[in-house]
Amino acid sequence: MLKGLEEFNGGHYFACHETLETLWKGLSGDEKTLVQGIIQVSVAYYHLNRGNTKGALRLFDRALPRIEPYLPTWLDLDLAAFFQAIRVERERLASQGPDLPFIASPPLLLRLKAP
């Protein structure tokens, strides 16, 4: 999980997706749902970087309900701040319209304490 978080925080969204998907495949239950939401946020930012605003918006819409049940924290992750930042980003994107260029402001997926 730590490698995926570092990739996300470094803006390496496709790599994050690949790393977390490997983890996700071995999970079950609630953890699987949350990790899937984080993967979807990562892929949304990957799409934004490639100009696919419609795809990013759809992924934000799928990710937010998967993350929300785990607020405010899960393990040592500050999900509340992450969730709020994603929600704001999603609203900015939706209000702008899907056909205009969009400058993303991705949040960091912050750890509350050192491992």
Protein backbone atom coordinates (compact mmCIF):
# COMPACT_ATOMS: atom_id res chain seq x y z
CA MET A 1 0.00 0.00 0.00
CA LEU A 2 2.82 2.40 0.88
CA LYS A 3 4.31 2.19 -2.61
CA GLY A 4 0.94 3.05 -4.17
CA LEU A 5 0.52 6.02 -1.82
CA GLU A 6 3.97 7.29 -2.72
CA GLU A 7 3.17 6.94 -6.42
CA PHE A 8 -0.13 8.79 -5.99
CA ASN A 9 1.47 11.58 -3.96
CA GLY A 10 4.22 11.85 -6.59
CA GLY A 11 1.71 12.24 -9.41
CA HIS A 12 2.45 8.82 -10.92
CA TYR A 13 -1.21 7.92 -11.28
CA PHE A 14 -0.94 5.05 -13.74
CA ALA A 15 1.79 3.40 -11.66
CA CYS A 16 -0.34 3.89 -8.55
CA HIS A 17 -3.24 2.20 -10.30
CA GLU A 18 -1.06 -0.77 -11.22
CA THR A 19 0.41 -1.10 -7.72
CA LEU A 20 -2.89 -0.80 -5.88
CA GLU A 21 -4.69 -3.09 -8.32
CA THR A 22 -2.23 -5.86 -7.44
CA LEU A 23 -3.02 -5.28 -3.75
CA TRP A 24 -6.77 -5.00 -4.45
CA LYS A 25 -6.90 -8.41 -6.09
CA GLY A 26 -5.86 -10.05 -2.81
CA LEU A 27 -8.31 -8.16 -0.61
CA SER A 28 -11.90 -8.89 0.35
CA GLY A 29 -14.77 -7.05 1.95
CA ASP A 30 -14.56 -3.44 3.08
CA GLU A 31 -10.86 -3.01 2.39
CA LYS A 32 -11.37 -4.06 -1.21
CA THR A 33 -14.08 -1.42 -1.68
CA LEU A 34 -11.96 1.38 -0.23
CA VAL A 35 -8.86 0.47 -2.23
CA GLN A 36 -11.00 0.34 -5.36
CA GLY A 37 -12.15 3.90 -4.64
CA ILE A 38 -8.56 5.10 -4.25
CA ILE A 39 -7.63 3.35 -7.51
CA GLN A 40 -10.52 5.11 -9.25
CA VAL A 41 -9.33 8.51 -7.99
CA SER A 42 -5.85 7.72 -9.28
CA VAL A 43 -7.20 6.77 -12.70
CA ALA A 44 -9.37 9.91 -12.72
CA TYR A 45 -6.23 12.03 -12.36
CA TYR A 46 -4.52 9.97 -15.05
CA HIS A 47 -7.46 10.80 -17.35
CA LEU A 48 -7.31 14.48 -16.41
CA ASN A 49 -3.63 14.60 -17.32
CA ARG A 50 -4.53 13.18 -20.73
CA GLY A 51 -7.42 15.62 -21.28
CA ASN A 52 -10.22 13.11 -20.73
CA THR A 53 -12.41 15.20 -18.45
CA LYS A 54 -15.56 13.14 -19.04
CA GLY A 55 -13.80 9.94 -17.99
CA ALA A 56 -12.33 11.65 -14.93
CA LEU A 57 -15.72 12.93 -13.83
CA ARG A 58 -17.26 9.45 -14.13
CA LEU A 59 -14.44 7.96 -12.06
CA PHE A 60 -14.75 10.62 -9.35
CA ASP A 61 -18.48 9.84 -9.21
CA ARG A 62 -17.74 6.14 -8.71
CA ALA A 63 -14.90 6.66 -6.24
CA LEU A 64 -16.48 9.05 -3.76
CA PRO A 65 -19.20 6.64 -2.52
CA ARG A 66 -16.59 3.93 -2.10
CA ILE A 67 -14.37 6.13 0.06
CA GLU A 68 -16.99 7.97 2.14
CA PRO A 69 -17.91 5.09 4.52
CA TYR A 70 -14.31 5.00 5.80
CA LEU A 71 -14.10 8.65 6.87
CA PRO A 72 -12.44 10.20 8.75
CA THR A 73 -9.50 7.78 8.84
CA TRP A 74 -8.66 4.27 7.75
CA LEU A 75 -5.59 2.66 9.21
CA ASP A 76 -3.24 5.65 9.22
CA LEU A 77 -4.67 7.55 6.25
CA ASP A 78 -6.38 10.92 6.58
CA LEU A 79 -9.32 10.09 4.33
CA ALA A 80 -11.45 13.06 5.43
CA ALA A 81 -9.09 15.65 3.94
CA PHE A 82 -8.54 13.50 0.83
CA PHE A 83 -12.29 12.97 0.34
CA GLN A 84 -13.08 16.67 0.75
CA ALA A 85 -10.39 17.67 -1.73
CA ILE A 86 -11.66 15.12 -4.28
CA ARG A 87 -15.23 16.33 -3.81
CA VAL A 88 -14.15 19.94 -4.43
CA GLU A 89 -12.14 18.88 -7.49
CA ARG A 90 -15.12 16.94 -8.82
CA GLU A 91 -17.42 19.96 -8.37
CA ARG A 92 -14.94 22.26 -10.12
CA LEU A 93 -14.74 19.85 -13.02
CA ALA A 94 -18.52 19.41 -13.26
CA SER A 95 -19.23 23.14 -13.14
CA GLN A 96 -16.64 23.94 -15.79
CA GLY A 97 -18.03 21.60 -18.41
CA PRO A 98 -16.37 18.54 -19.92
CA ASP A 99 -15.07 20.09 -23.12
CA LEU A 100 -12.81 22.78 -21.65
CA PRO A 101 -9.20 22.26 -20.55
CA PHE A 102 -8.97 21.57 -16.83
CA ILE A 103 -6.06 22.23 -14.51
CA ALA A 104 -6.21 19.62 -11.78
CA SER A 105 -5.25 20.25 -8.17
CA PRO A 106 -4.74 16.71 -6.89
CA PRO A 107 -4.58 16.27 -3.13
CA LEU A 108 -2.01 14.21 -1.32
CA LEU A 109 -3.16 11.01 0.29
CA LEU A 110 -1.69 11.83 3.67
CA ARG A 111 -0.54 9.43 6.32
CA LEU A 112 -1.38 10.39 9.87
CA LYS A 113 1.72 8.82 11.37
CA ALA A 114 4.94 7.27 10.22
CA PRO A 115 4.80 3.52 9.52
